[in-house]
Amino acid sequence: MGLALERRSLLWQASDVLETSPMNGWYDDFGFYHGPRDPRLIVPKRIPIMGWTINVSHPKAPLLVLLTCGAIGLGILAQVLFQAGR
C-alpha cells in the first residue's frame, strides 16, 4: 500500500508542475480546466492516463458542451420511445 501512495503522490506532484505553466492554464476546485491563452479546445487531463477534458475558457467550449448534452439527451429520448413502442 505504501508504494501505491508514493506513486500517487509522485503523479500529483508531476501534475502540479504541469498545471502551473502559464500556457497550460489551471484546474478549478471542480476539476474544470481553464486556459484562456491555451488555443486547444480539448486537452489532456492532469493525469494523462485518465483521458481528456474541455478547456472551458475556449470560445467554442459552450457549444461543445451543448452538443454533447444534446446528443446524450437524444439518445435517452430514443431509448425511452423505443421501449414505449414495444
Protein backbone atom coordinates (compact mmCIF):
# COMPACT_ATOMS: atom_id res chain seq x y z
CA MET A 1 0.00 0.00 0.00
CA GLY A 2 2.89 2.36 0.70
CA LEU A 3 4.17 2.01 -2.87
CA ALA A 4 0.75 2.92 -4.30
CA LEU A 5 0.54 6.03 -2.12
CA GLU A 6 4.06 7.04 -3.10
CA ARG A 7 3.24 6.57 -6.79
CA ARG A 8 0.05 8.63 -6.42
CA SER A 9 1.99 11.38 -4.66
CA LEU A 10 4.55 11.49 -7.47
CA LEU A 11 1.79 11.69 -10.08
CA TRP A 12 0.14 14.59 -8.27
CA GLN A 13 3.47 16.40 -7.93
CA ALA A 14 4.07 15.99 -11.66
CA SER A 15 0.58 17.27 -12.43
CA ASP A 16 1.16 20.30 -10.19
CA VAL A 17 4.22 21.20 -12.26
CA LEU A 18 2.26 20.82 -15.49
CA GLU A 19 -0.73 22.84 -14.34
CA THR A 20 1.28 25.85 -13.19
CA SER A 21 2.65 26.51 -16.67
CA PRO A 22 1.03 29.72 -18.00
CA MET A 23 0.23 28.11 -21.35
CA ASN A 24 -1.41 25.08 -19.74
CA GLY A 25 -3.84 27.06 -17.59
CA TRP A 26 -5.17 25.73 -14.30
CA TYR A 27 -7.82 23.47 -12.80
CA ASP A 28 -10.50 24.87 -10.51
CA ASP A 29 -11.99 23.17 -7.44
CA PHE A 30 -14.45 21.22 -9.60
CA GLY A 31 -11.74 19.85 -11.91
CA PHE A 32 -12.54 22.09 -14.88
CA TYR A 33 -9.56 23.22 -16.96
CA HIS A 34 -9.22 26.97 -17.59
CA GLY A 35 -6.59 28.03 -20.11
CA PRO A 36 -7.50 31.39 -21.67
CA ARG A 37 -4.18 31.55 -23.55
CA ASP A 38 -4.27 27.86 -24.49
CA PRO A 39 -5.63 27.52 -28.06
CA ARG A 40 -6.67 23.87 -27.59
CA LEU A 41 -10.35 23.07 -27.06
CA ILE A 42 -9.75 19.53 -25.81
CA VAL A 43 -6.75 18.97 -23.55
CA PRO A 44 -5.27 16.01 -21.63
CA LYS A 45 -6.35 15.71 -18.01
CA ARG A 46 -3.94 16.39 -15.12
CA ILE A 47 -3.01 12.74 -15.14
CA PRO A 48 -2.87 11.97 -18.88
CA ILE A 49 -3.77 8.30 -18.48
CA MET A 50 -7.23 9.42 -17.26
CA GLY A 51 -8.23 10.84 -20.64
CA TRP A 52 -9.17 14.25 -21.97
CA THR A 53 -11.16 17.26 -20.80
CA ILE A 54 -12.54 20.51 -22.22
CA ASN A 55 -10.81 23.86 -21.92
CA VAL A 56 -13.79 25.82 -20.56
CA SER A 57 -12.07 29.13 -21.36
CA HIS A 58 -12.10 28.35 -25.08
CA PRO A 59 -14.74 30.33 -27.04
CA LYS A 60 -16.21 27.14 -28.56
CA ALA A 61 -16.46 25.24 -25.24
CA PRO A 62 -20.13 26.13 -24.54
CA LEU A 63 -21.12 24.88 -28.00
CA LEU A 64 -19.26 21.60 -27.46
CA VAL A 65 -20.92 21.11 -24.07
CA LEU A 66 -24.39 21.82 -25.51
CA LEU A 67 -23.84 19.46 -28.44
CA THR A 68 -22.61 16.71 -26.13
CA CYS A 69 -25.55 17.13 -23.74
CA GLY A 70 -27.95 17.26 -26.69
CA ALA A 71 -26.56 14.03 -28.14
CA ILE A 72 -26.91 12.30 -24.77
CA GLY A 73 -30.45 13.67 -24.39
CA LEU A 74 -31.43 12.44 -27.86
CA GLY A 75 -30.01 9.02 -27.06
CA ILE A 76 -32.04 8.81 -23.86
CA LEU A 77 -35.19 10.04 -25.63
CA ALA A 78 -34.74 7.49 -28.42
CA GLN A 79 -34.30 4.72 -25.86
CA VAL A 80 -37.47 5.76 -23.98
CA LEU A 81 -39.50 5.99 -27.20
CA PHE A 82 -38.17 2.64 -28.39
CA GLN A 83 -39.12 0.99 -25.09
CA ALA A 84 -42.59 2.61 -25.16
CA GLY A 85 -43.22 1.30 -28.68
CA ARG A 86 -42.79 -2.33 -27.67
